[in-house]
Amino acid sequence: MLIKRNFYKTSSYLRTKLTKINTSVTSNNSYSQALFELASENYVLLEVEEQTSALLKLIKTSSDFRDLIKNPTTKSDDLIKIMDEIANQNNFNGLLKRFISFLIKKRRFFYVEKIFNDYLDVCSRSRGEIKAELLAAKELNKNDIDKVKNELAENFGSNIKLNYKHDPSLIGGLVIKVGSTMVDTSIKNKLHQIQKQMIEA
């Protein structure tokens, strides 16, 4: 487990480093990399990872919040106030709060979903993890999910970061995707294959 230092880099240092990154590269990946480097230097990688995941969940589940950050007419000052309130209510790390304000001021907060997802990817790669997706027709409990995760880890010889989703439209079975490899045992897929064979016959 990461040990959190009892101090952070100064705001001036953060602004200087982020500004240099902002002026030297244009890709959104640069912002996620900057956040990773700053969080690593301040020993708060795991904390920032958990908090960015929480914000991504809020974006996904709240249409009002999603519309707010995607609305080009939202004023920067208003957005900063709203994000500060959310950060304070959820005890966000000071580094992440300043990073969010930086994105808003640089008019990059519109891309925050991609930037935070990229940050999570960088964190996973730093731990040697492979991302995998699991779709199941029935709801799986933690033990079921852990069994799939452990089996994938054994087969691929690496740690697995598994993203599980319940998808009733599959009717039955599972869909597992690891990188470019996909295994589809769903009834939905089998029915599709039968229908395809009937059309081609």
N, C-alpha and C. Protein backbone atom coordinates (compact mmCIF):
# COMPACT_ATOMS: atom_id res chain seq x y z
N MET A 1 0.85 -1.20 0.00
CA MET A 1 0.00 0.00 0.00
C MET A 1 0.88 1.25 0.00
N LEU A 2 0.50 2.23 -0.79
CA LEU A 2 1.29 3.44 -0.87
C LEU A 2 1.22 4.23 0.43
N ILE A 3 2.35 4.83 0.80
CA ILE A 3 2.41 5.65 2.01
C ILE A 3 2.25 7.10 1.63
N LYS A 4 1.32 7.77 2.25
CA LYS A 4 1.05 9.17 1.93
C LYS A 4 1.94 10.09 2.77
N ARG A 5 2.69 10.93 2.12
CA ARG A 5 3.51 11.90 2.84
C ARG A 5 2.62 12.95 3.48
N ASN A 6 3.16 13.59 4.50
CA ASN A 6 2.37 14.61 5.21
C ASN A 6 2.60 16.00 4.63
N PHE A 7 3.12 16.03 3.38
CA PHE A 7 3.27 17.32 2.73
C PHE A 7 3.10 17.14 1.23
N TYR A 8 2.86 18.23 0.53
CA TYR A 8 2.68 18.21 -0.91
C TYR A 8 3.61 19.22 -1.55
N LYS A 9 3.79 19.07 -2.84
CA LYS A 9 4.53 20.09 -3.59
C LYS A 9 3.76 21.40 -3.50
N THR A 10 4.46 22.50 -3.58
CA THR A 10 3.78 23.79 -3.48
C THR A 10 2.92 24.04 -4.70
N SER A 11 1.92 24.91 -4.52
CA SER A 11 1.03 25.24 -5.65
C SER A 11 1.82 25.85 -6.80
N SER A 12 2.84 26.63 -6.47
CA SER A 12 3.66 27.24 -7.51
C SER A 12 4.34 26.18 -8.35
N TYR A 13 4.87 25.16 -7.69
CA TYR A 13 5.54 24.07 -8.42
C TYR A 13 4.56 23.34 -9.32
N LEU A 14 3.36 23.07 -8.80
CA LEU A 14 2.34 22.39 -9.59
C LEU A 14 1.97 23.18 -10.82
N ARG A 15 1.75 24.48 -10.63
CA ARG A 15 1.37 25.33 -11.76
C ARG A 15 2.48 25.35 -12.81
N THR A 16 3.73 25.44 -12.34
CA THR A 16 4.85 25.50 -13.27
C THR A 16 4.96 24.23 -14.09
N LYS A 17 4.86 23.09 -13.42
CA LYS A 17 4.99 21.82 -14.12
C LYS A 17 3.84 21.59 -15.09
N LEU A 18 2.62 21.86 -14.66
CA LEU A 18 1.46 21.67 -15.52
C LEU A 18 1.49 22.63 -16.71
N THR A 19 1.91 23.86 -16.48
CA THR A 19 1.97 24.83 -17.56
C THR A 19 2.99 24.41 -18.61
N LYS A 20 4.14 23.89 -18.17
CA LYS A 20 5.16 23.42 -19.11
C LYS A 20 4.61 22.29 -19.96
N ILE A 21 3.89 21.37 -19.33
CA ILE A 21 3.29 20.25 -20.05
C ILE A 21 2.24 20.76 -21.03
N ASN A 22 1.45 21.73 -20.59
CA ASN A 22 0.38 22.27 -21.42
C ASN A 22 0.92 22.95 -22.67
N THR A 23 2.05 23.63 -22.57
CA THR A 23 2.59 24.38 -23.70
C THR A 23 3.47 23.52 -24.60
N SER A 24 3.91 22.35 -24.10
CA SER A 24 4.84 21.55 -24.89
C SER A 24 4.15 20.44 -25.69
N VAL A 25 2.98 19.99 -25.23
CA VAL A 25 2.27 18.93 -25.94
C VAL A 25 0.78 19.24 -25.97
N THR A 26 0.10 18.69 -26.96
CA THR A 26 -1.32 19.02 -27.13
C THR A 26 -2.23 17.84 -26.83
N SER A 27 -1.71 16.62 -26.78
CA SER A 27 -2.53 15.44 -26.56
C SER A 27 -3.11 15.43 -25.15
N ASN A 28 -4.36 14.95 -25.05
CA ASN A 28 -4.97 14.82 -23.72
C ASN A 28 -4.20 13.82 -22.85
N ASN A 29 -3.48 12.88 -23.51
CA ASN A 29 -2.68 11.92 -22.76
C ASN A 29 -1.63 12.63 -21.91
N SER A 30 -1.18 13.80 -22.35
CA SER A 30 -0.15 14.52 -21.61
C SER A 30 -0.67 14.95 -20.24
N TYR A 31 -1.96 15.28 -20.16
CA TYR A 31 -2.54 15.70 -18.89
C TYR A 31 -2.65 14.52 -17.94
N SER A 32 -3.04 13.36 -18.45
CA SER A 32 -3.12 12.18 -17.60
C SER A 32 -1.73 11.77 -17.12
N GLN A 33 -0.74 11.89 -18.00
CA GLN A 33 0.63 11.57 -17.62
C GLN A 33 1.15 12.56 -16.57
N ALA A 34 0.78 13.82 -16.74
CA ALA A 34 1.19 14.85 -15.76
C ALA A 34 0.60 14.55 -14.40
N LEU A 35 -0.69 14.17 -14.37
CA LEU A 35 -1.34 13.85 -13.10
C LEU A 35 -0.67 12.64 -12.46
N PHE A 36 -0.32 11.65 -13.27
CA PHE A 36 0.34 10.46 -12.75
C PHE A 36 1.69 10.81 -12.13
N GLU A 37 2.47 11.62 -12.83
CA GLU A 37 3.79 12.00 -12.32
C GLU A 37 3.68 12.79 -11.02
N LEU A 38 2.75 13.73 -10.98
CA LEU A 38 2.57 14.55 -9.78
C LEU A 38 2.08 13.71 -8.60
N ALA A 39 1.13 12.81 -8.87
CA ALA A 39 0.62 11.95 -7.80
C ALA A 39 1.70 10.99 -7.31
N SER A 40 2.53 10.51 -8.23
CA SER A 40 3.61 9.61 -7.86
C SER A 40 4.65 10.34 -7.00
N GLU A 41 5.00 11.56 -7.39
CA GLU A 41 5.99 12.34 -6.64
C GLU A 41 5.50 12.68 -5.24
N ASN A 42 4.18 12.78 -5.09
CA ASN A 42 3.61 13.13 -3.78
C ASN A 42 3.07 11.92 -3.03
N TYR A 43 3.32 10.72 -3.57
CA TYR A 43 2.93 9.47 -2.91
C TYR A 43 1.42 9.38 -2.66
N VAL A 44 0.64 9.82 -3.64
CA VAL A 44 -0.82 9.76 -3.49
C VAL A 44 -1.48 9.10 -4.71
N LEU A 45 -0.75 8.21 -5.37
CA LEU A 45 -1.28 7.56 -6.58
C LEU A 45 -2.60 6.85 -6.32
N LEU A 46 -2.64 6.04 -5.28
CA LEU A 46 -3.84 5.25 -5.00
C LEU A 46 -5.01 6.14 -4.61
N GLU A 47 -4.74 7.16 -3.80
CA GLU A 47 -5.80 8.07 -3.37
C GLU A 47 -6.40 8.81 -4.56
N VAL A 48 -5.54 9.33 -5.44
CA VAL A 48 -6.01 10.05 -6.62
C VAL A 48 -6.73 9.09 -7.57
N GLU A 49 -6.25 7.87 -7.66
CA GLU A 49 -6.89 6.87 -8.52
C GLU A 49 -8.31 6.60 -8.04
N GLU A 50 -8.49 6.44 -6.74
CA GLU A 50 -9.82 6.18 -6.19
C GLU A 50 -10.75 7.37 -6.41
N GLN A 51 -10.21 8.58 -6.28
CA GLN A 51 -11.04 9.78 -6.41
C GLN A 51 -11.39 10.09 -7.86
N THR A 52 -10.48 9.83 -8.77
CA THR A 52 -10.81 10.02 -10.19
C THR A 52 -11.85 8.98 -10.62
N SER A 53 -11.75 7.77 -10.08
CA SER A 53 -12.74 6.73 -10.38
C SER A 53 -14.12 7.15 -9.88
N ALA A 54 -14.16 7.80 -8.71
CA ALA A 54 -15.44 8.26 -8.16
C ALA A 54 -16.05 9.34 -9.04
N LEU A 55 -15.20 10.24 -9.56
CA LEU A 55 -15.70 11.30 -10.45
C LEU A 55 -16.20 10.71 -11.76
N LEU A 56 -15.51 9.71 -12.28
CA LEU A 56 -15.94 9.07 -13.52
C LEU A 56 -17.29 8.38 -13.32
N LYS A 57 -17.48 7.81 -12.14
CA LYS A 57 -18.76 7.17 -11.83
C LYS A 57 -19.87 8.21 -11.77
N LEU A 58 -19.55 9.38 -11.20
CA LEU A 58 -20.54 10.46 -11.11
C LEU A 58 -20.92 10.95 -12.51
N ILE A 59 -19.93 11.08 -13.39
CA ILE A 59 -20.19 11.51 -14.77
C ILE A 59 -21.11 10.50 -15.47
N LYS A 60 -20.85 9.22 -15.21
CA LYS A 60 -21.62 8.16 -15.87
C LYS A 60 -23.05 8.07 -15.35
N THR A 61 -23.23 8.30 -14.05
CA THR A 61 -24.55 8.08 -13.44
C THR A 61 -25.42 9.34 -13.36
N SER A 62 -24.79 10.51 -13.46
CA SER A 62 -25.56 11.76 -13.33
C SER A 62 -25.59 12.50 -14.66
N SER A 63 -26.75 12.50 -15.30
CA SER A 63 -26.89 13.21 -16.58
C SER A 63 -26.76 14.72 -16.38
N ASP A 64 -27.22 15.21 -15.23
CA ASP A 64 -27.12 16.65 -14.95
C ASP A 64 -25.66 17.09 -14.87
N PHE A 65 -24.86 16.30 -14.16
CA PHE A 65 -23.43 16.62 -14.03
C PHE A 65 -22.73 16.50 -15.37
N ARG A 66 -23.07 15.46 -16.11
CA ARG A 66 -22.47 15.24 -17.44
C ARG A 66 -22.80 16.40 -18.38
N ASP A 67 -24.05 16.83 -18.36
CA ASP A 67 -24.46 17.95 -19.21
C ASP A 67 -23.75 19.25 -18.80
N LEU A 68 -23.53 19.41 -17.50
CA LEU A 68 -22.88 20.60 -16.99
C LEU A 68 -21.46 20.74 -17.52
N ILE A 69 -20.69 19.65 -17.45
CA ILE A 69 -19.29 19.76 -17.87
C ILE A 69 -19.15 19.75 -19.39
N LYS A 70 -20.17 19.27 -20.09
CA LYS A 70 -20.11 19.24 -21.55
C LYS A 70 -20.71 20.50 -22.18
N ASN A 71 -21.36 21.33 -21.35
CA ASN A 71 -22.00 22.55 -21.84
C ASN A 71 -20.96 23.65 -22.06
N PRO A 72 -20.75 24.07 -23.31
CA PRO A 72 -19.73 25.09 -23.58
C PRO A 72 -20.06 26.47 -23.01
N THR A 73 -21.32 26.67 -22.62
CA THR A 73 -21.71 27.98 -22.08
C THR A 73 -21.48 28.09 -20.57
N THR A 74 -21.12 26.97 -19.93
CA THR A 74 -20.85 27.00 -18.49
C THR A 74 -19.60 27.84 -18.23
N LYS A 75 -19.72 28.84 -17.38
CA LYS A 75 -18.59 29.72 -17.09
C LYS A 75 -17.55 29.00 -16.24
N SER A 76 -16.29 29.30 -16.49
CA SER A 76 -15.19 28.65 -15.77
C SER A 76 -15.29 28.87 -14.27
N ASP A 77 -15.59 30.10 -13.87
CA ASP A 77 -15.69 30.42 -12.44
C ASP A 77 -16.79 29.60 -11.77
N ASP A 78 -17.92 29.46 -12.46
CA ASP A 78 -19.02 28.68 -11.91
C ASP A 78 -18.64 27.20 -11.80
N LEU A 79 -17.94 26.70 -12.81
CA LEU A 79 -17.54 25.30 -12.82
C LEU A 79 -16.52 25.01 -11.71
N ILE A 80 -15.61 25.96 -11.51
CA ILE A 80 -14.61 25.80 -10.45
C ILE A 80 -15.29 25.75 -9.08
N LYS A 81 -16.28 26.61 -8.86
CA LYS A 81 -17.01 26.63 -7.59
C LYS A 81 -17.72 25.30 -7.36
N ILE A 82 -18.36 24.79 -8.40
CA ILE A 82 -19.09 23.53 -8.29
C ILE A 82 -18.14 22.38 -7.99
N MET A 83 -17.01 22.34 -8.71
CA MET A 83 -16.05 21.26 -8.51
C MET A 83 -15.37 21.36 -7.14
N ASP A 84 -15.14 22.58 -6.68
CA ASP A 84 -14.57 22.77 -5.34
C ASP A 84 -15.53 22.22 -4.28
N GLU A 85 -16.82 22.47 -4.49
CA GLU A 85 -17.82 22.00 -3.53
C GLU A 85 -17.87 20.48 -3.51
N ILE A 86 -17.83 19.86 -4.71
CA ILE A 86 -17.82 18.41 -4.80
C ILE A 86 -16.56 17.84 -4.15
N ALA A 87 -15.42 18.50 -4.43
CA ALA A 87 -14.14 18.04 -3.88
C ALA A 87 -14.12 18.13 -2.35
N ASN A 88 -14.65 19.23 -1.82
CA ASN A 88 -14.67 19.41 -0.36
C ASN A 88 -15.61 18.43 0.32
N GLN A 89 -16.75 18.18 -0.29
CA GLN A 89 -17.72 17.25 0.29
C GLN A 89 -17.17 15.82 0.33
N ASN A 90 -16.30 15.50 -0.62
CA ASN A 90 -15.77 14.14 -0.72
C ASN A 90 -14.30 14.04 -0.28
N ASN A 91 -13.81 15.11 0.35
CA ASN A 91 -12.44 15.12 0.89
C ASN A 91 -11.40 14.76 -0.17
N PHE A 92 -11.52 15.38 -1.34
CA PHE A 92 -10.56 15.13 -2.41
C PHE A 92 -9.17 15.63 -2.03
N ASN A 93 -8.19 14.92 -2.53
CA ASN A 93 -6.80 15.32 -2.33
C ASN A 93 -6.56 16.71 -2.91
N GLY A 94 -5.73 17.51 -2.21
CA GLY A 94 -5.46 18.88 -2.66
C GLY A 94 -4.84 18.94 -4.04
N LEU A 95 -3.99 17.96 -4.35
CA LEU A 95 -3.36 17.93 -5.67
C LEU A 95 -4.41 17.76 -6.76
N LEU A 96 -5.35 16.86 -6.55
CA LEU A 96 -6.40 16.62 -7.55
C LEU A 96 -7.29 17.84 -7.70
N LYS A 97 -7.59 18.52 -6.60
CA LYS A 97 -8.41 19.74 -6.66
C LYS A 97 -7.73 20.79 -7.53
N ARG A 98 -6.43 20.98 -7.32
CA ARG A 98 -5.69 21.98 -8.12
C ARG A 98 -5.59 21.56 -9.58
N PHE A 99 -5.47 20.25 -9.80
CA PHE A 99 -5.40 19.75 -11.17
C PHE A 99 -6.71 20.00 -11.91
N ILE A 100 -7.83 19.78 -11.23
CA ILE A 100 -9.14 20.01 -11.83
C ILE A 100 -9.31 21.50 -12.17
N SER A 101 -8.92 22.37 -11.24
CA SER A 101 -9.00 23.82 -11.48
C SER A 101 -8.14 24.22 -12.67
N PHE A 102 -6.98 23.59 -12.77
CA PHE A 102 -6.07 23.86 -13.89
C PHE A 102 -6.74 23.49 -15.22
N LEU A 103 -7.38 22.31 -15.27
CA LEU A 103 -8.06 21.87 -16.49
C LEU A 103 -9.17 22.83 -16.88
N ILE A 104 -9.91 23.29 -15.89
CA ILE A 104 -11.02 24.22 -16.16
C ILE A 104 -10.50 25.54 -16.72
N LYS A 105 -9.45 26.07 -16.10
CA LYS A 105 -8.89 27.34 -16.54
C LYS A 105 -8.29 27.25 -17.94
N LYS A 106 -7.77 26.07 -18.27
CA LYS A 106 -7.18 25.85 -19.60
C LYS A 106 -8.22 25.36 -20.61
N ARG A 107 -9.48 25.36 -20.19
CA ARG A 107 -10.59 24.93 -21.05
C ARG A 107 -10.40 23.50 -21.56
N ARG A 108 -9.90 22.63 -20.69
CA ARG A 108 -9.71 21.23 -21.05
C ARG A 108 -10.63 20.31 -20.24
N PHE A 109 -11.47 20.90 -19.38
CA PHE A 109 -12.31 20.07 -18.53
C PHE A 109 -13.37 19.34 -19.34
N PHE A 110 -13.64 19.82 -20.52
CA PHE A 110 -14.57 19.14 -21.42
C PHE A 110 -14.09 17.71 -21.69
N TYR A 111 -12.77 17.50 -21.64
CA TYR A 111 -12.17 16.20 -21.92
C TYR A 111 -11.81 15.43 -20.65
N VAL A 112 -12.36 15.85 -19.51
CA VAL A 112 -11.95 15.26 -18.23
C VAL A 112 -12.20 13.76 -18.17
N GLU A 113 -13.27 13.29 -18.82
CA GLU A 113 -13.57 11.86 -18.78
C GLU A 113 -12.45 11.06 -19.42
N LYS A 114 -11.99 11.49 -20.58
CA LYS A 114 -10.89 10.80 -21.25
C LYS A 114 -9.59 10.94 -20.48
N ILE A 115 -9.33 12.12 -19.95
CA ILE A 115 -8.09 12.36 -19.21
C ILE A 115 -8.03 11.45 -17.98
N PHE A 116 -9.14 11.34 -17.25
CA PHE A 116 -9.14 10.50 -16.04
C PHE A 116 -9.08 9.01 -16.40
N ASN A 117 -9.75 8.61 -17.47
CA ASN A 117 -9.66 7.21 -17.91
C ASN A 117 -8.23 6.87 -18.33
N ASP A 118 -7.59 7.80 -19.01
CA ASP A 118 -6.19 7.59 -19.40
C ASP A 118 -5.29 7.50 -18.17
N TYR A 119 -5.60 8.31 -17.16
CA TYR A 119 -4.83 8.27 -15.91
C TYR A 119 -4.94 6.89 -15.26
N LEU A 120 -6.16 6.34 -15.23
CA LEU A 120 -6.36 5.01 -14.65
C LEU A 120 -5.61 3.95 -15.44
N ASP A 121 -5.55 4.13 -16.77
CA ASP A 121 -4.80 3.20 -17.62
C ASP A 121 -3.31 3.26 -17.29
N VAL A 122 -2.80 4.47 -17.11
CA VAL A 122 -1.37 4.63 -16.78
C VAL A 122 -1.07 3.97 -15.44
N CYS A 123 -1.96 4.14 -14.47
CA CYS A 123 -1.78 3.51 -13.16
C CYS A 123 -1.76 1.98 -13.29
N SER A 124 -2.67 1.46 -14.10
CA SER A 124 -2.73 0.00 -14.30
C SER A 124 -1.45 -0.51 -14.94
N ARG A 125 -0.98 0.18 -15.97
CA ARG A 125 0.24 -0.25 -16.65
C ARG A 125 1.44 -0.19 -15.72
N SER A 126 1.47 0.80 -14.83
CA SER A 126 2.59 0.93 -13.90
C SER A 126 2.65 -0.25 -12.93
N ARG A 127 1.51 -0.92 -12.72
CA ARG A 127 1.46 -2.10 -11.86
C ARG A 127 1.57 -3.40 -12.65
N GLY A 128 1.75 -3.28 -13.97
CA GLY A 128 1.85 -4.46 -14.82
C GLY A 128 0.53 -5.15 -15.03
N GLU A 129 -0.57 -4.41 -14.92
CA GLU A 129 -1.90 -5.00 -15.07
C GLU A 129 -2.34 -5.01 -16.53
N ILE A 130 -3.19 -5.98 -16.86
CA ILE A 130 -3.84 -6.05 -18.16
C ILE A 130 -5.32 -5.79 -17.95
N LYS A 131 -5.91 -4.92 -18.76
CA LYS A 131 -7.33 -4.62 -18.63
C LYS A 131 -8.16 -5.69 -19.33
N ALA A 132 -9.24 -6.08 -18.66
CA ALA A 132 -10.15 -7.06 -19.24
C ALA A 132 -11.58 -6.64 -18.96
N GLU A 133 -12.48 -7.05 -19.86
CA GLU A 133 -13.90 -6.75 -19.69
C GLU A 133 -14.69 -8.04 -19.60
N LEU A 134 -15.62 -8.07 -18.67
CA LEU A 134 -16.47 -9.23 -18.48
C LEU A 134 -17.92 -8.81 -18.53
N LEU A 135 -18.66 -9.37 -19.47
CA LEU A 135 -20.11 -9.14 -19.57
C LEU A 135 -20.80 -10.46 -19.24
N ALA A 136 -21.81 -10.41 -18.41
CA ALA A 136 -22.51 -11.63 -18.02
C ALA A 136 -24.01 -11.43 -18.10
N ALA A 137 -24.71 -12.47 -18.54
CA ALA A 137 -26.17 -12.38 -18.67
C ALA A 137 -26.85 -12.35 -17.31
N LYS A 138 -26.24 -13.01 -16.33
CA LYS A 138 -26.79 -12.99 -14.97
C LYS A 138 -25.85 -12.20 -14.06
N GLU A 139 -26.39 -11.72 -12.96
CA GLU A 139 -25.57 -10.97 -12.02
C GLU A 139 -24.62 -11.92 -11.29
N LEU A 140 -23.33 -11.56 -11.28
CA LEU A 140 -22.32 -12.38 -10.64
C LEU A 140 -21.96 -11.79 -9.28
N ASN A 141 -21.68 -12.65 -8.33
CA ASN A 141 -21.22 -12.17 -7.02
C ASN A 141 -19.70 -12.01 -7.04
N LYS A 142 -19.15 -11.51 -5.96
CA LYS A 142 -17.71 -11.22 -5.91
C LYS A 142 -16.88 -12.48 -6.11
N ASN A 143 -17.32 -13.60 -5.55
CA ASN A 143 -16.58 -14.85 -5.70
C ASN A 143 -16.51 -15.29 -7.16
N ASP A 144 -17.64 -15.15 -7.88
CA ASP A 144 -17.68 -15.52 -9.29
C ASP A 144 -16.72 -14.65 -10.10
N ILE A 145 -16.76 -13.35 -9.82
CA ILE A 145 -15.90 -12.41 -10.54
C ILE A 145 -14.43 -12.69 -10.25
N ASP A 146 -14.12 -12.98 -8.97
CA ASP A 146 -12.74 -13.28 -8.59
C ASP A 146 -12.23 -14.55 -9.27
N LYS A 147 -13.11 -15.53 -9.43
CA LYS A 147 -12.72 -16.78 -10.11
C LYS A 147 -12.32 -16.49 -11.56
N VAL A 148 -13.13 -15.70 -12.24
CA VAL A 148 -12.82 -15.34 -13.63
C VAL A 148 -11.51 -14.55 -13.69
N LYS A 149 -11.37 -13.60 -12.78
CA LYS A 149 -10.16 -12.76 -12.73
C LYS A 149 -8.91 -13.60 -12.49
N ASN A 150 -8.97 -14.53 -11.54
CA ASN A 150 -7.83 -15.38 -11.22
C ASN A 150 -7.47 -16.31 -12.38
N GLU A 151 -8.50 -16.82 -13.05
CA GLU A 151 -8.24 -17.71 -14.19
C GLU A 151 -7.58 -16.95 -15.34
N LEU A 152 -8.05 -15.71 -15.57
CA LEU A 152 -7.44 -14.89 -16.62
C LEU A 152 -6.00 -14.55 -16.27
N ALA A 153 -5.76 -14.23 -14.99
CA ALA A 153 -4.41 -13.90 -14.54
C ALA A 153 -3.47 -15.08 -14.75
N GLU A 154 -3.96 -16.28 -14.50
CA GLU A 154 -3.15 -17.48 -14.68
C GLU A 154 -2.87 -17.73 -16.16
N ASN A 155 -3.90 -17.55 -17.00
CA ASN A 155 -3.74 -17.80 -18.43
C ASN A 155 -2.84 -16.79 -19.12
N PHE A 156 -2.93 -15.52 -18.68
CA PHE A 156 -2.15 -14.46 -19.33
C PHE A 156 -0.85 -14.15 -18.60
N GLY A 157 -0.64 -14.75 -17.44
CA GLY A 157 0.59 -14.56 -16.70
C GLY A 157 0.82 -13.14 -16.25
N SER A 158 -0.26 -12.45 -15.90
CA SER A 158 -0.15 -11.06 -15.48
C SER A 158 -1.33 -10.71 -14.59
N ASN A 159 -1.18 -9.62 -13.82
CA ASN A 159 -2.30 -9.14 -13.03
C ASN A 159 -3.40 -8.63 -13.96
N ILE A 160 -4.63 -8.86 -13.57
CA ILE A 160 -5.77 -8.47 -14.40
C ILE A 160 -6.61 -7.41 -13.68
N LYS A 161 -6.91 -6.33 -14.40
CA LYS A 161 -7.87 -5.35 -13.90
C LYS A 161 -9.17 -5.60 -14.64
N LEU A 162 -10.12 -6.20 -13.94
CA LEU A 162 -11.34 -6.68 -14.58
C LEU A 162 -12.49 -5.70 -14.39
N ASN A 163 -13.11 -5.34 -15.50
CA ASN A 163 -14.29 -4.47 -15.48
C ASN A 163 -15.51 -5.32 -15.78
N TYR A 164 -16.34 -5.53 -14.75
CA TYR A 164 -17.51 -6.40 -14.89
C TYR A 164 -18.79 -5.59 -15.10
N LYS A 165 -19.63 -6.07 -16.04
CA LYS A 165 -20.93 -5.45 -16.27
C LYS A 165 -21.99 -6.53 -16.45
N HIS A 166 -23.14 -6.28 -15.86
CA HIS A 166 -24.28 -7.19 -16.02
C HIS A 166 -25.05 -6.76 -17.26
N ASP A 167 -25.23 -7.70 -18.21
CA ASP A 167 -25.91 -7.38 -19.47
C ASP A 167 -26.97 -8.44 -19.77
N PRO A 168 -28.21 -8.21 -19.33
CA PRO A 168 -29.29 -9.19 -19.55
C PRO A 168 -29.57 -9.47 -21.02
N SER A 169 -29.20 -8.55 -21.91
CA SER A 169 -29.48 -8.75 -23.34
C SER A 169 -28.71 -9.94 -23.92
N LEU A 170 -27.70 -10.43 -23.21
CA LEU A 170 -26.93 -11.58 -23.68
C LEU A 170 -27.76 -12.87 -23.57
N ILE A 171 -28.84 -12.82 -22.78
CA ILE A 171 -29.77 -13.95 -22.56
C ILE A 171 -29.12 -15.02 -21.68
N GLY A 172 -27.92 -15.42 -21.99
CA GLY A 172 -27.19 -16.41 -21.20
C GLY A 172 -25.72 -16.40 -21.59
N GLY A 173 -24.86 -16.91 -20.71
CA GLY A 173 -23.45 -17.01 -21.04
C GLY A 173 -22.64 -15.77 -20.68
N LEU A 174 -21.40 -15.74 -21.19
CA LEU A 174 -20.46 -14.67 -20.88
C LEU A 174 -19.79 -14.14 -22.14
N VAL A 175 -19.31 -12.90 -22.03
CA VAL A 175 -18.42 -12.33 -23.04
C VAL A 175 -17.20 -11.80 -22.29
N ILE A 176 -16.03 -12.30 -22.65
CA ILE A 176 -14.78 -11.87 -22.00
C ILE A 176 -13.87 -11.30 -23.07
N LYS A 177 -13.36 -10.10 -22.81
CA LYS A 177 -12.46 -9.45 -23.75
C LYS A 177 -11.19 -9.02 -23.02
N VAL A 178 -10.06 -9.50 -23.51
CA VAL A 178 -8.75 -9.12 -22.97
C VAL A 178 -7.90 -8.64 -24.14
N GLY A 179 -7.68 -7.32 -24.18
CA GLY A 179 -6.96 -6.75 -25.32
C GLY A 179 -7.72 -7.02 -26.61
N SER A 180 -7.07 -7.66 -27.58
CA SER A 180 -7.72 -7.98 -28.86
C SER A 180 -8.34 -9.37 -28.85
N THR A 181 -8.23 -10.07 -27.73
CA THR A 181 -8.78 -11.42 -27.61
C THR A 181 -10.17 -11.36 -26.99
N MET A 182 -11.13 -12.02 -27.66
CA MET A 182 -12.50 -12.02 -27.14
C MET A 182 -13.08 -13.42 -27.19
N VAL A 183 -13.70 -13.83 -26.10
CA VAL A 183 -14.40 -15.10 -26.02
C VAL A 183 -15.87 -14.80 -25.75
N ASP A 184 -16.74 -15.23 -26.69
CA ASP A 184 -18.17 -14.94 -26.58
C ASP A 184 -18.95 -16.24 -26.51
N THR A 185 -19.44 -16.59 -25.32
CA THR A 185 -20.22 -17.81 -25.14
C THR A 185 -21.69 -17.48 -24.90
N SER A 186 -22.08 -16.26 -25.23
CA SER A 186 -23.46 -15.84 -24.95
C SER A 186 -24.45 -16.50 -25.89
N ILE A 187 -25.66 -16.70 -25.38
CA ILE A 187 -26.74 -17.25 -26.21
C ILE A 187 -27.08 -16.27 -27.32
N LYS A 188 -26.98 -14.99 -27.01
CA LYS A 188 -27.24 -13.96 -28.02
C LYS A 188 -26.33 -14.15 -29.23
N ASN A 189 -25.06 -14.42 -28.98
CA ASN A 189 -24.11 -14.62 -30.07
C ASN A 189 -24.42 -15.91 -30.84
N LYS A 190 -24.79 -16.96 -30.09
CA LYS A 190 -25.11 -18.24 -30.74
C LYS A 190 -26.33 -18.09 -31.65
N LEU A 191 -27.34 -17.35 -31.17
CA LEU A 191 -28.53 -17.10 -31.98
C LEU A 191 -28.18 -16.30 -33.23
N HIS A 192 -27.26 -15.34 -33.05
CA HIS A 192 -26.82 -14.53 -34.19
C HIS A 192 -26.12 -15.40 -35.22
N GLN A 193 -25.29 -16.35 -34.77
CA GLN A 193 -24.57 -17.23 -35.68
C GLN A 193 -25.54 -18.14 -36.43
N ILE A 194 -26.56 -18.65 -35.71
CA ILE A 194 -27.56 -19.50 -36.36
C ILE A 194 -28.33 -18.71 -37.41
N GLN A 195 -28.72 -17.48 -37.04
CA GLN A 195 -29.45 -16.62 -37.99
C GLN A 195 -28.60 -16.33 -39.21
N LYS A 196 -27.31 -16.11 -39.02
CA LYS A 196 -26.39 -15.82 -40.12
C LYS A 196 -26.28 -17.04 -41.06
N GLN A 197 -26.20 -18.23 -40.44
CA GLN A 197 -26.10 -19.45 -41.25
C GLN A 197 -27.37 -19.68 -42.06
N MET A 198 -28.52 -19.36 -41.47
CA MET A 198 -29.79 -19.54 -42.16
C MET A 198 -29.90 -18.60 -43.35
N ILE A 199 -29.42 -17.37 -43.18
CA ILE A 199 -29.46 -16.38 -44.26
C ILE A 199 -28.54 -16.78 -45.41
N GLU A 200 -27.38 -17.32 -45.04
CA GLU A 200 -26.39 -17.71 -46.06
C GLU A 200 -26.72 -19.02 -46.75
N ALA A 201 -27.62 -19.83 -46.13
CA ALA A 201 -27.96 -21.14 -46.70
C ALA A 201 -28.79 -21.00 -47.97
